[in-house]
N, C-alpha and C. Protein backbone atom coordinates (compact mmCIF):
# COMPACT_ATOMS: atom_id res chain seq x y z
N MET A 1 103.85 101.74 107.12
CA MET A 1 103.49 102.82 106.23
C MET A 1 103.80 102.46 104.78
N SER A 2 104.88 101.75 104.52
CA SER A 2 105.22 101.40 103.14
C SER A 2 104.17 100.47 102.54
N VAL A 3 103.51 99.69 103.37
CA VAL A 3 102.47 98.79 102.89
C VAL A 3 101.30 99.60 102.35
N LYS A 4 100.91 100.63 103.06
CA LYS A 4 99.80 101.48 102.61
C LYS A 4 100.14 102.17 101.29
N ALA A 5 101.37 102.66 101.16
CA ALA A 5 101.78 103.33 99.93
C ALA A 5 101.83 102.35 98.77
N LYS A 6 102.40 101.19 99.00
CA LYS A 6 102.48 100.17 97.95
C LYS A 6 101.09 99.71 97.54
N GLN A 7 100.21 99.56 98.52
CA GLN A 7 98.85 99.12 98.25
C GLN A 7 98.08 100.16 97.45
N ALA A 8 98.37 101.42 97.66
CA ALA A 8 97.66 102.48 96.96
C ALA A 8 98.14 102.68 95.53
N HIS A 9 99.40 102.34 95.23
CA HIS A 9 99.96 102.69 93.94
C HIS A 9 100.30 101.52 93.02
N ALA A 10 100.56 100.35 93.55
CA ALA A 10 101.00 99.23 92.73
C ALA A 10 99.82 98.32 92.40
N SER A 11 99.59 98.08 91.12
CA SER A 11 98.45 97.27 90.70
C SER A 11 98.61 95.81 91.11
N ASP A 12 99.84 95.28 91.06
CA ASP A 12 100.04 93.89 91.47
C ASP A 12 99.78 93.72 92.97
N THR A 13 100.08 94.74 93.75
CA THR A 13 99.83 94.69 95.18
C THR A 13 98.33 94.74 95.47
N LYS A 14 97.62 95.58 94.72
CA LYS A 14 96.17 95.65 94.87
C LYS A 14 95.55 94.29 94.58
N ALA A 15 96.02 93.64 93.53
CA ALA A 15 95.50 92.32 93.16
C ALA A 15 95.82 91.30 94.24
N TYR A 16 96.99 91.38 94.84
CA TYR A 16 97.37 90.46 95.91
C TYR A 16 96.43 90.61 97.11
N VAL A 17 96.15 91.83 97.49
CA VAL A 17 95.29 92.09 98.64
C VAL A 17 93.87 91.61 98.35
N VAL A 18 93.38 91.86 97.15
CA VAL A 18 92.04 91.39 96.77
C VAL A 18 91.99 89.87 96.82
N CYS A 19 93.04 89.21 96.36
CA CYS A 19 93.11 87.75 96.39
C CYS A 19 93.05 87.25 97.83
N ARG A 20 93.78 87.89 98.72
CA ARG A 20 93.78 87.46 100.12
C ARG A 20 92.42 87.69 100.76
N ILE A 21 91.76 88.79 100.41
CA ILE A 21 90.44 89.07 100.98
C ILE A 21 89.42 88.06 100.45
N THR A 22 89.54 87.64 99.20
CA THR A 22 88.63 86.62 98.68
C THR A 22 88.88 85.26 99.32
N GLU A 23 90.05 85.06 99.90
CA GLU A 23 90.34 83.84 100.65
C GLU A 23 89.82 83.93 102.08
N GLU A 24 88.89 84.86 102.29
CA GLU A 24 88.24 85.08 103.57
C GLU A 24 89.16 85.60 104.66
N LYS A 25 90.19 86.33 104.26
CA LYS A 25 91.03 87.04 105.22
C LYS A 25 90.40 88.40 105.45
N THR A 26 90.64 88.98 106.60
CA THR A 26 90.20 90.36 106.83
C THR A 26 91.18 91.28 106.12
N SER A 27 90.82 92.55 105.98
CA SER A 27 91.75 93.48 105.33
C SER A 27 93.02 93.62 106.16
N ARG A 28 92.87 93.53 107.48
CA ARG A 28 94.04 93.59 108.36
C ARG A 28 94.93 92.36 108.17
N GLY A 29 94.30 91.20 108.03
CA GLY A 29 95.05 89.97 107.78
C GLY A 29 95.75 90.00 106.43
N ALA A 30 95.08 90.58 105.43
CA ALA A 30 95.68 90.70 104.11
C ALA A 30 96.90 91.61 104.16
N GLN A 31 96.82 92.69 104.94
CA GLN A 31 97.97 93.59 105.08
C GLN A 31 99.11 92.88 105.79
N ARG A 32 98.79 92.04 106.76
CA ARG A 32 99.82 91.27 107.46
C ARG A 32 100.55 90.36 106.48
N CYS A 33 99.78 89.69 105.61
CA CYS A 33 100.39 88.83 104.59
C CYS A 33 101.27 89.64 103.66
N LEU A 34 100.79 90.82 103.27
CA LEU A 34 101.55 91.69 102.38
C LEU A 34 102.86 92.13 103.03
N LYS A 35 102.83 92.42 104.31
CA LYS A 35 104.06 92.80 105.02
C LYS A 35 105.08 91.67 104.98
N ARG A 36 104.59 90.44 105.15
CA ARG A 36 105.50 89.30 105.09
C ARG A 36 106.13 89.16 103.71
N VAL A 37 105.33 89.36 102.67
CA VAL A 37 105.84 89.26 101.30
C VAL A 37 106.91 90.33 101.06
N ILE A 38 106.63 91.55 101.49
CA ILE A 38 107.59 92.65 101.30
C ILE A 38 108.88 92.36 102.07
N CYS A 39 108.76 91.84 103.28
CA CYS A 39 109.96 91.50 104.06
C CYS A 39 110.78 90.43 103.38
N ARG A 40 110.11 89.42 102.83
CA ARG A 40 110.84 88.36 102.11
C ARG A 40 111.57 88.92 100.90
N GLN A 41 110.91 89.83 100.16
CA GLN A 41 111.54 90.43 98.98
C GLN A 41 112.76 91.24 99.37
N ILE A 42 112.64 92.03 100.41
CA ILE A 42 113.77 92.86 100.86
C ILE A 42 114.92 91.98 101.34
N PHE A 43 114.61 90.93 102.08
CA PHE A 43 115.64 90.03 102.57
C PHE A 43 116.39 89.37 101.42
N LYS A 44 115.67 88.93 100.38
CA LYS A 44 116.32 88.31 99.23
C LYS A 44 117.23 89.30 98.51
N ILE A 45 116.78 90.54 98.40
CA ILE A 45 117.60 91.56 97.76
C ILE A 45 118.88 91.78 98.56
N LEU A 46 118.75 91.91 99.85
CA LEU A 46 119.92 92.15 100.69
C LEU A 46 120.86 90.95 100.71
N GLU A 47 120.30 89.77 100.61
CA GLU A 47 121.09 88.56 100.61
C GLU A 47 121.92 88.42 99.32
N ARG A 48 121.35 88.83 98.19
CA ARG A 48 121.99 88.62 96.89
C ARG A 48 122.96 89.72 96.48
N THR A 49 122.80 90.89 97.00
CA THR A 49 123.59 92.01 96.50
C THR A 49 124.75 92.35 97.41
N ASP A 50 125.74 92.96 96.81
CA ASP A 50 126.85 93.51 97.58
C ASP A 50 126.43 94.91 97.99
N ARG A 51 126.08 95.08 99.24
CA ARG A 51 125.49 96.34 99.70
C ARG A 51 126.45 97.53 99.62
N THR A 52 127.73 97.28 99.49
CA THR A 52 128.66 98.39 99.41
C THR A 52 128.61 99.06 98.04
N LYS A 53 128.09 98.34 97.03
CA LYS A 53 128.04 98.89 95.67
C LYS A 53 126.75 99.65 95.39
N ILE A 54 125.72 99.49 96.20
CA ILE A 54 124.43 100.12 95.96
C ILE A 54 124.49 101.57 96.43
N GLU A 55 124.18 102.48 95.49
CA GLU A 55 124.26 103.89 95.80
C GLU A 55 122.90 104.56 95.85
N SER A 56 121.86 103.93 95.30
CA SER A 56 120.55 104.57 95.29
C SER A 56 119.45 103.53 95.44
N ILE A 57 118.28 104.01 95.71
CA ILE A 57 117.11 103.14 95.85
C ILE A 57 116.81 102.43 94.53
N GLU A 58 117.02 103.10 93.41
CA GLU A 58 116.74 102.52 92.11
C GLU A 58 117.63 101.29 91.86
N GLU A 59 118.88 101.37 92.24
CA GLU A 59 119.79 100.24 92.08
C GLU A 59 119.35 99.08 92.95
N LEU A 60 118.83 99.37 94.12
CA LEU A 60 118.34 98.34 95.02
C LEU A 60 117.12 97.65 94.40
N ALA A 61 116.25 98.41 93.78
CA ALA A 61 115.07 97.85 93.13
C ALA A 61 115.46 96.99 91.94
N GLN A 62 116.49 97.42 91.20
CA GLN A 62 116.94 96.64 90.03
C GLN A 62 117.61 95.34 90.45
N ALA A 63 118.16 95.31 91.64
CA ALA A 63 118.81 94.09 92.12
C ALA A 63 117.80 92.99 92.38
N ALA A 64 116.55 93.38 92.55
CA ALA A 64 115.50 92.37 92.79
C ALA A 64 115.23 91.68 91.52
């Protein structure tokens, strides 16, 4: 569900999906690629931050 929301609102995400579709991926395949990218971003954030200090979603986004 977060992929659909991100795809609908973020311009960089829209551009990423369009790029994947022009590489002859299906829209479903492009969403799969996008899910992998989002997972990698979240993993890097969790890896770098001290999770006990994060109190809100905004702080988590700034840690990226």
